[in-house]
Structures are given as C-alpha cells and as structure tokens.
Amino acid sequence: MNPRLARLPVLVISAHSRCNCRCGMCDIWRTRESRQFTMADLRRHLSDIRELGVEWLVFTGGEALMNADLFAMARVLRDTGIRVSVLTSGLLLGRYARDIVAHIDDVIVSLDGPRGIHDSIRGVIGAFDQLASGVRAIHAAAPGYPIGARCTVQKANHAALLDTAHAARSLNLNSISYLAVDVSSDAFHHAPGAPRGKHLLTSHEIQRLESEIARLLGDPVSSMVAETPAKLRRIVDYFHAAANGAEPEAPLCNAPWVSAVLDFDGTVRPCFFQPAIGNAKHTSLAEALNSERAQNFRSSLDIATNPICRRCVCSLHRREAVA
C-alpha cells in the first residue's frame, strides 16, 4: 500500500484529557491536567479534514462530553457532510440529551456488565443507573436515536457477557460490541511497563469465557452483538496466548492507511496503540500524516508480525481501496 495518505476516511479526536470514571483497566482518570481539543484547533485543521475526505469523525477521550466546544464542533463537521459519533462513559448523557440528539449522529457507551459489575469496573456508584437515565432522556427526545454499547472483557466480567448483552437490551440499545482488555500497550495513559496482569484470566476462567461466548451465541440476544462468532472466539485466543506467554495472531487491520487518532495536544497516531507518527499542533494535519516518519512507519509496517499489532484488541478494516 502507498505510504502516503491521500484519503483518510476515519478520524478519531481525543476531545478531553480527563474522565469521570475510575476504571481499573484505564489510567486516563489519574491525570491531573485538564486539556481539550478546541474549536480553534478544529478550524485550523478543517481544510485538511475536507481535502482528506474524512467521512466519519469519532470524538473520544477521556470523556468527550466534558469538552465545552463539542457540540459547536459537531455542527461544523456535520455541515461539511461528516458523520459524527461520540464514545462516552454515559454518565453525562442525561445532562446533554437534547444537544446530543441535535448535533451528534450516534453514541457508543461503555457497558461493562449488568448493574453491580458495571459500577464496580467503572469505579462509580450508580454508574449503571446514570447511564440508564441518560439513555431514557435521549430516547424521550428522539425515539429510536442510535446508541450502541462497548464492553471490555476482563477478569471482572468474563462470566457475565450474556448478562451484559441482556442489560444492553434492557436499556434499549441498538448493539453491543466486545473487545478484550489491553494489557500490553501504552494507550489509555498506561505507564510504560506497568503491570496489568490482574485483568487477565486463569486457565479455568478462560474455559468459563468459552462457555459464556457459546451461551451468548446461542441466545436470541446475539442478534445485537456486533462481532462475528470468529471475532468473539479471537477474544478467547487472546487470553489463551497471554496465559501461555505466546504471541496471539494479529487481526485483519488496515487502520494506519484509513484512519488516524488526533490527540488534544496535537499528537497524531495511526491508531490508539501504535506510537506517534507526528504532531499537528504547529503544522497541518496532512503534513503530520505524511511526514517522513509517518511514511516510513507505514512502508515498513507488517501487521502480521508487528508485536503491537499481534496483541491488538481493537482492529479496523475497511474494504475500500486506499490511494
């Protein structure tokens, strides 16, 4: 594939440095800085966003809904014809329900289990009920508004995947997606080399996970699950490899050629997990994406053998040809 990017269908923007949860598998909430991607930042990059043909922009965080400029930025982007999504903990959905319905195309909430498990993982008492109340507020403002869920599979919830799907259905969500907990990268503000093995599974727990996935696939609620059976079973393979000290097989992915992550500080990454390939704080987004460092990264990247790619828990693959 051409190492120079002429098109960028998907752009992810880290909207805020802070978060309103205290999840054990993520260290973003530990940061004391409070910084955000601003309307001025967006306007500076807007011509590049148009010229690169961005079709889908995803605001994430930290907590994206803590960004004061979020809805104003979404208006500008949607006026350009770009789909705008928000990844959120869900705790602020109720407060901003009308703004979300008016300016955001769809929302993906974190849902890590039924009520008790979800609250425990999120580190917030009442997190599930706040999420439920926010979803109801959005649906009251716009019945049928699309809200999906994403669940991070780990020790604390590996035996509750089916219950989590039923919780998603009880909330009237459109879908649920499962991905394994990341324990190897420096994403999500993890300190390099910090131990995260407490989230992995024992051999017995892996067997329970296999059984839970079989139960999930055999239940009518499986129609809500975004992953194919093969992708769900890859989660089992991931935990097997971790338990045996082996390298898992890399997923099918072309994220570095079709997407990028732009942080609030200007850092540009090919995905959440790979190191930075440039910085757009004092240069254009297109220049950062096509810097010598960025092109060298893409020209030398072999997804199948790259150790970060092999341990990836969240891949992206778009079938369209890349210029």
Protein backbone atom coordinates (compact mmCIF):
# COMPACT_ATOMS: atom_id res chain seq x y z
CA MET A 1 0.00 0.00 0.00
CA ASN A 2 1.07 3.55 -0.71
CA PRO A 3 2.76 5.01 2.39
CA ARG A 4 1.47 8.48 1.50
CA LEU A 5 -2.12 9.15 2.53
CA ALA A 6 -4.32 10.98 0.04
CA ARG A 7 -7.55 9.95 1.79
CA LEU A 8 -8.45 9.45 5.44
CA PRO A 9 -11.99 8.02 5.79
CA VAL A 10 -11.92 7.86 9.60
CA LEU A 11 -10.55 10.41 12.06
CA VAL A 12 -10.67 9.93 15.84
CA ILE A 13 -10.20 13.02 18.01
CA SER A 14 -9.36 12.79 21.71
CA ALA A 15 -11.63 15.56 22.88
CA HIS A 16 -10.63 15.85 26.54
CA SER A 17 -7.76 14.77 28.78
CA ARG A 18 -9.94 13.99 31.82
CA CYS A 19 -12.53 11.31 32.56
CA ASN A 20 -15.42 10.99 35.02
CA CYS A 21 -14.90 7.28 35.71
CA ARG A 22 -12.18 5.44 37.64
CA CYS A 23 -11.86 2.24 35.63
CA GLY A 24 -9.24 -0.26 36.75
CA MET A 25 -8.20 -1.10 33.17
CA CYS A 26 -7.57 2.55 32.21
CA ASP A 27 -5.36 5.23 33.75
CA ILE A 28 -6.75 8.31 31.99
CA TRP A 29 -8.66 9.29 35.13
CA ARG A 30 -5.39 9.52 37.05
CA THR A 31 -4.17 12.54 35.08
CA ARG A 32 -4.36 15.92 36.80
CA GLU A 33 -4.18 18.01 33.65
CA SER A 34 -7.37 19.36 32.10
CA ARG A 35 -6.93 20.00 28.39
CA GLN A 36 -9.26 19.74 25.46
CA PHE A 37 -9.40 19.86 21.69
CA THR A 38 -10.91 23.26 20.86
CA MET A 39 -12.96 24.86 18.13
CA ALA A 40 -9.83 26.81 17.17
CA ASP A 41 -7.97 23.51 16.72
CA LEU A 42 -10.77 22.16 14.54
CA ARG A 43 -10.95 25.25 12.35
CA ARG A 44 -7.18 25.10 11.80
CA HIS A 45 -7.49 21.51 10.53
CA LEU A 46 -10.84 21.80 8.78
CA SER A 47 -9.49 22.32 5.26
CA ASP A 48 -7.29 19.23 5.61
CA ILE A 49 -10.22 17.23 7.01
CA ARG A 50 -12.21 18.14 3.90
CA GLU A 51 -9.38 17.53 1.44
CA LEU A 52 -8.54 14.17 3.02
CA GLY A 53 -12.15 13.12 2.51
CA VAL A 54 -12.92 12.32 6.14
CA GLU A 55 -16.31 10.62 6.19
CA TRP A 56 -16.60 9.66 9.85
CA LEU A 57 -15.24 11.57 12.84
CA VAL A 58 -15.31 9.99 16.29
CA PHE A 59 -14.88 12.05 19.44
CA THR A 60 -13.38 10.10 22.33
CA GLY A 61 -11.46 10.98 25.48
CA GLY A 62 -11.05 10.89 28.37
CA GLU A 63 -14.69 11.80 28.43
CA ALA A 64 -15.70 13.55 25.21
CA LEU A 65 -18.85 15.08 26.72
CA MET A 66 -16.68 17.11 29.10
CA ASN A 67 -15.46 19.17 26.11
CA ALA A 68 -17.07 22.63 26.15
CA ASP A 69 -16.79 23.01 22.36
CA LEU A 70 -18.04 19.54 21.47
CA PHE A 71 -21.46 20.40 20.05
CA ALA A 72 -20.25 23.50 18.24
CA MET A 73 -17.53 21.39 16.59
CA ALA A 74 -20.08 18.71 15.71
CA ARG A 75 -22.27 21.32 13.99
CA VAL A 76 -19.36 22.47 11.83
CA LEU A 77 -18.43 18.91 10.90
CA ARG A 78 -21.97 17.83 10.08
CA ASP A 79 -22.42 20.94 7.92
CA THR A 80 -19.45 19.56 5.97
CA GLY A 81 -21.29 16.25 5.49
CA ILE A 82 -19.23 14.27 8.01
CA ARG A 83 -20.82 11.67 10.29
CA VAL A 84 -20.07 12.48 13.94
CA SER A 85 -20.03 9.85 16.70
CA VAL A 86 -19.20 10.10 20.39
CA LEU A 87 -17.63 7.45 22.62
CA THR A 88 -18.68 8.08 26.21
CA SER A 89 -18.95 6.58 29.68
CA GLY A 90 -22.61 7.59 29.55
CA LEU A 91 -22.63 9.47 32.84
CA LEU A 92 -23.41 12.80 31.15
CA LEU A 93 -25.97 11.61 28.62
CA GLY A 94 -28.92 12.95 30.62
CA ARG A 95 -27.39 16.41 31.03
CA TYR A 96 -26.72 16.79 27.30
CA ALA A 97 -29.51 14.65 25.81
CA ARG A 98 -31.05 17.39 23.64
CA ASP A 99 -27.67 18.61 22.38
CA ILE A 100 -26.64 15.05 21.55
CA VAL A 101 -29.82 14.42 19.57
CA ALA A 102 -29.47 17.75 17.73
CA HIS A 103 -25.78 17.60 16.85
CA ILE A 104 -24.39 14.03 17.12
CA ASP A 105 -25.25 11.24 14.69
CA ASP A 106 -24.82 8.34 17.12
CA VAL A 107 -23.36 7.44 20.50
CA ILE A 108 -21.41 4.45 21.79
CA VAL A 109 -21.48 3.97 25.56
CA SER A 110 -19.25 1.86 27.77
CA LEU A 111 -21.19 -1.03 29.30
CA ASP A 112 -19.05 -3.48 31.26
CA GLY A 113 -21.73 -5.64 32.80
CA PRO A 114 -25.12 -5.63 34.48
CA ARG A 115 -25.59 -3.05 37.25
CA GLY A 116 -23.28 -4.34 40.00
CA ILE A 117 -20.43 -5.43 37.76
CA HIS A 118 -20.62 -2.27 35.67
CA ASP A 119 -20.49 0.01 38.72
CA SER A 120 -17.56 -1.93 40.19
CA ILE A 121 -15.50 -1.79 36.99
CA ARG A 122 -16.32 1.88 36.38
CA GLY A 123 -15.42 2.78 39.95
CA VAL A 124 -18.56 4.92 40.25
CA ILE A 125 -21.50 4.01 42.49
CA GLY A 126 -24.69 4.39 40.47
CA ALA A 127 -22.90 4.47 37.11
CA PHE A 128 -25.32 1.97 35.55
CA ASP A 129 -28.37 3.89 36.72
CA GLN A 130 -26.92 7.19 35.46
CA LEU A 131 -26.29 5.55 32.09
CA ALA A 132 -29.83 4.14 32.01
CA SER A 133 -31.34 7.50 32.92
CA GLY A 134 -29.31 9.22 30.19
CA VAL A 135 -30.38 6.70 27.55
CA ARG A 136 -34.01 7.23 28.53
CA ALA A 137 -33.57 11.01 28.24
CA ILE A 138 -32.13 10.69 24.75
CA HIS A 139 -34.88 8.34 23.60
CA ALA A 140 -37.50 10.67 25.11
CA ALA A 141 -36.08 13.48 22.98
CA ALA A 142 -35.67 11.29 19.88
CA PRO A 143 -37.22 7.81 19.90
CA GLY A 144 -35.01 5.39 18.00
CA TYR A 145 -31.87 7.51 18.31
CA PRO A 146 -28.94 5.10 17.72
CA ILE A 147 -26.96 4.19 20.85
CA GLY A 148 -24.60 1.23 20.91
CA ALA A 149 -22.57 -0.32 23.73
CA ARG A 150 -18.99 -1.46 24.02
CA CYS A 151 -17.82 -3.95 26.65
CA THR A 152 -14.18 -4.55 27.65
CA VAL A 153 -13.79 -8.24 28.50
CA GLN A 154 -11.58 -8.94 31.53
CA LYS A 155 -11.39 -10.94 34.76
CA ALA A 156 -14.13 -8.91 36.43
CA ASN A 157 -16.81 -9.61 33.81
CA HIS A 158 -15.69 -12.61 31.72
CA ALA A 159 -18.50 -14.75 33.14
CA ALA A 160 -21.21 -12.15 32.50
CA LEU A 161 -21.10 -11.50 28.75
CA LEU A 162 -24.61 -12.81 28.21
CA ASP A 163 -25.95 -10.82 31.16
CA THR A 164 -24.23 -7.74 29.74
CA ALA A 165 -25.98 -8.23 26.41
CA HIS A 166 -29.30 -8.59 28.20
CA ALA A 167 -28.51 -5.40 30.12
CA ALA A 168 -27.90 -3.64 26.81
CA ARG A 169 -31.25 -4.88 25.52
CA SER A 170 -32.98 -3.76 28.72
CA LEU A 171 -31.60 -0.27 28.09
CA ASN A 172 -33.00 -0.34 24.53
CA LEU A 173 -29.54 -0.04 23.00
CA ASN A 174 -29.08 -0.93 19.34
CA SER A 175 -25.99 -3.11 19.61
CA ILE A 176 -23.18 -4.33 21.81
CA SER A 177 -19.55 -4.89 20.91
CA TYR A 178 -16.97 -6.89 22.88
CA LEU A 179 -13.21 -6.44 22.94
CA ALA A 180 -10.50 -7.86 25.19
CA VAL A 181 -8.77 -5.72 27.78
CA ASP A 182 -5.50 -4.17 26.61
CA VAL A 183 -2.63 -5.17 28.90
CA SER A 184 0.42 -4.54 26.72
CA SER A 185 0.32 -1.11 25.06
CA ASP A 186 0.91 2.39 26.41
CA ALA A 187 -2.58 3.51 25.32
CA PHE A 188 -5.07 4.98 27.78
CA HIS A 189 -2.29 6.70 29.76
CA HIS A 190 -0.80 3.41 30.94
CA ALA A 191 2.65 3.89 32.39
CA PRO A 192 5.18 2.01 30.23
CA GLY A 193 5.83 -1.41 31.70
CA ALA A 194 3.24 -1.04 34.47
CA PRO A 195 1.84 -4.49 35.46
CA ARG A 196 -1.71 -5.11 34.29
CA GLY A 197 -1.87 -8.87 34.59
CA LYS A 198 -4.63 -8.67 37.20
CA HIS A 199 -7.14 -8.23 34.37
CA LEU A 200 -6.09 -11.44 32.58
CA LEU A 201 -7.74 -14.83 33.00
CA THR A 202 -6.60 -18.10 34.52
CA SER A 203 -6.99 -21.34 32.55
CA HIS A 204 -10.21 -22.11 34.43
CA GLU A 205 -11.56 -18.63 33.73
CA ILE A 206 -10.71 -18.98 30.03
CA GLN A 207 -12.81 -22.14 29.95
CA ARG A 208 -15.65 -20.20 31.57
CA LEU A 209 -15.22 -17.45 28.96
CA GLU A 210 -15.50 -20.02 26.17
CA SER A 211 -18.68 -21.34 27.73
CA GLU A 212 -20.05 -17.83 28.15
CA ILE A 213 -19.42 -17.00 24.49
CA ALA A 214 -21.19 -20.22 23.46
CA ARG A 215 -24.17 -19.22 25.64
CA LEU A 216 -24.15 -15.73 24.13
CA LEU A 217 -24.12 -17.05 20.57
CA GLY A 218 -26.96 -19.44 21.35
CA ASP A 219 -29.22 -16.78 22.82
CA PRO A 220 -31.62 -14.62 20.76
CA VAL A 221 -29.89 -11.53 22.18
CA SER A 222 -26.89 -12.43 19.99
CA SER A 223 -28.63 -10.52 17.20
CA MET A 224 -27.41 -7.38 18.99
CA VAL A 225 -23.76 -8.45 19.01
CA ALA A 226 -21.60 -6.55 16.53
CA GLU A 227 -18.85 -9.18 16.29
CA THR A 228 -18.97 -12.35 14.23
CA PRO A 229 -18.55 -15.64 16.11
CA ALA A 230 -14.97 -15.79 14.81
CA LYS A 231 -14.15 -12.39 16.30
CA LEU A 232 -15.66 -13.38 19.64
CA ARG A 233 -13.58 -16.56 19.68
CA ARG A 234 -10.48 -14.48 18.96
CA ILE A 235 -11.00 -12.93 22.42
CA VAL A 236 -10.57 -16.43 23.86
CA ASP A 237 -7.42 -16.92 21.78
CA TYR A 238 -6.07 -13.62 23.08
CA PHE A 239 -6.43 -14.72 26.70
CA HIS A 240 -5.04 -18.18 25.89
CA ALA A 241 -1.91 -16.58 24.39
CA ALA A 242 -1.48 -14.30 27.40
CA ALA A 243 -1.83 -17.24 29.82
CA ASN A 244 0.73 -19.28 27.89
CA GLY A 245 3.21 -16.48 27.23
CA ALA A 246 2.63 -16.80 23.49
CA GLU A 247 2.10 -14.20 20.78
CA PRO A 248 -1.51 -14.05 19.53
CA GLU A 249 -2.31 -13.84 15.84
CA ALA A 250 -2.75 -10.31 14.51
CA PRO A 251 -6.27 -9.36 13.42
CA LEU A 252 -7.17 -8.24 9.92
CA CYS A 253 -6.49 -4.49 10.02
CA ASN A 254 -5.62 -1.58 7.77
CA ALA A 255 -6.17 1.21 10.30
CA PRO A 256 -2.86 3.03 9.63
CA TRP A 257 -3.92 3.54 5.99
CA VAL A 258 -7.55 4.54 6.51
CA SER A 259 -7.67 6.26 9.91
CA ALA A 260 -5.76 8.29 12.46
CA VAL A 261 -6.07 9.42 16.08
CA LEU A 262 -5.56 13.13 16.77
CA ASP A 263 -4.98 13.96 20.44
CA PHE A 264 -5.92 17.23 22.15
CA ASP A 265 -2.19 18.13 22.29
CA GLY A 266 -1.73 17.63 18.53
CA THR A 267 -0.16 14.17 18.72
CA VAL A 268 -1.05 12.09 15.66
CA ARG A 269 -1.12 8.30 15.87
CA PRO A 270 -2.01 5.69 13.26
CA CYS A 271 -4.29 4.04 15.86
CA PHE A 272 -4.77 4.02 19.63
CA PHE A 273 -1.90 1.61 20.26
CA GLN A 274 0.97 2.44 17.92
CA PRO A 275 3.48 5.22 18.77
CA ALA A 276 3.00 8.75 17.47
CA ILE A 277 3.91 9.43 13.84
CA GLY A 278 3.77 13.22 14.05
CA ASN A 279 2.29 16.26 15.75
CA ALA A 280 -0.21 18.67 14.22
CA LYS A 281 -0.08 21.34 16.94
CA HIS A 282 2.18 23.62 14.91
CA THR A 283 1.73 22.12 11.47
CA SER A 284 -1.14 20.90 9.34
CA LEU A 285 -2.86 17.57 9.86
CA ALA A 286 -1.94 16.48 6.32
CA GLU A 287 1.72 17.31 6.91
CA ALA A 288 1.76 15.34 10.15
CA LEU A 289 0.08 12.35 8.50
CA ASN A 290 2.56 12.39 5.64
CA SER A 291 5.73 13.32 7.49
CA GLU A 292 8.83 11.29 6.72
CA ARG A 293 8.39 9.46 10.00
CA ALA A 294 4.76 8.64 9.19
CA GLN A 295 5.52 7.35 5.70
CA ASN A 296 8.45 5.29 6.95
CA PHE A 297 6.18 3.74 9.58
CA ARG A 298 3.52 2.75 7.06
CA SER A 299 6.00 1.48 4.46
CA SER A 300 7.72 -0.78 6.99
CA LEU A 301 4.67 -1.96 8.95
CA ASP A 302 3.82 -5.64 8.65
CA ILE A 303 0.58 -6.16 10.56
CA ALA A 304 1.07 -9.93 10.78
CA THR A 305 4.44 -9.72 12.56
CA ASN A 306 4.36 -6.39 14.38
CA PRO A 307 4.25 -7.15 18.14
CA ILE A 308 1.84 -4.30 18.91
CA CYS A 309 -0.50 -5.38 16.11
CA ARG A 310 -0.38 -9.00 17.21
CA ARG A 311 -1.54 -8.01 20.69
CA CYS A 312 -4.15 -5.55 19.40
CA VAL A 313 -7.59 -5.80 20.95
CA CYS A 314 -9.41 -3.36 18.66
CA SER A 315 -8.78 -3.53 14.91
CA LEU A 316 -10.25 -1.63 11.98
CA HIS A 317 -10.53 -2.91 8.43
CA ARG A 318 -12.17 -1.01 5.60
CA ARG A 319 -12.53 -2.76 2.27
CA GLU A 320 -12.25 0.33 0.10
CA ALA A 321 -9.10 0.85 -1.93
CA VAL A 322 -6.55 3.16 -0.37
CA ALA A 323 -4.87 5.76 -2.56
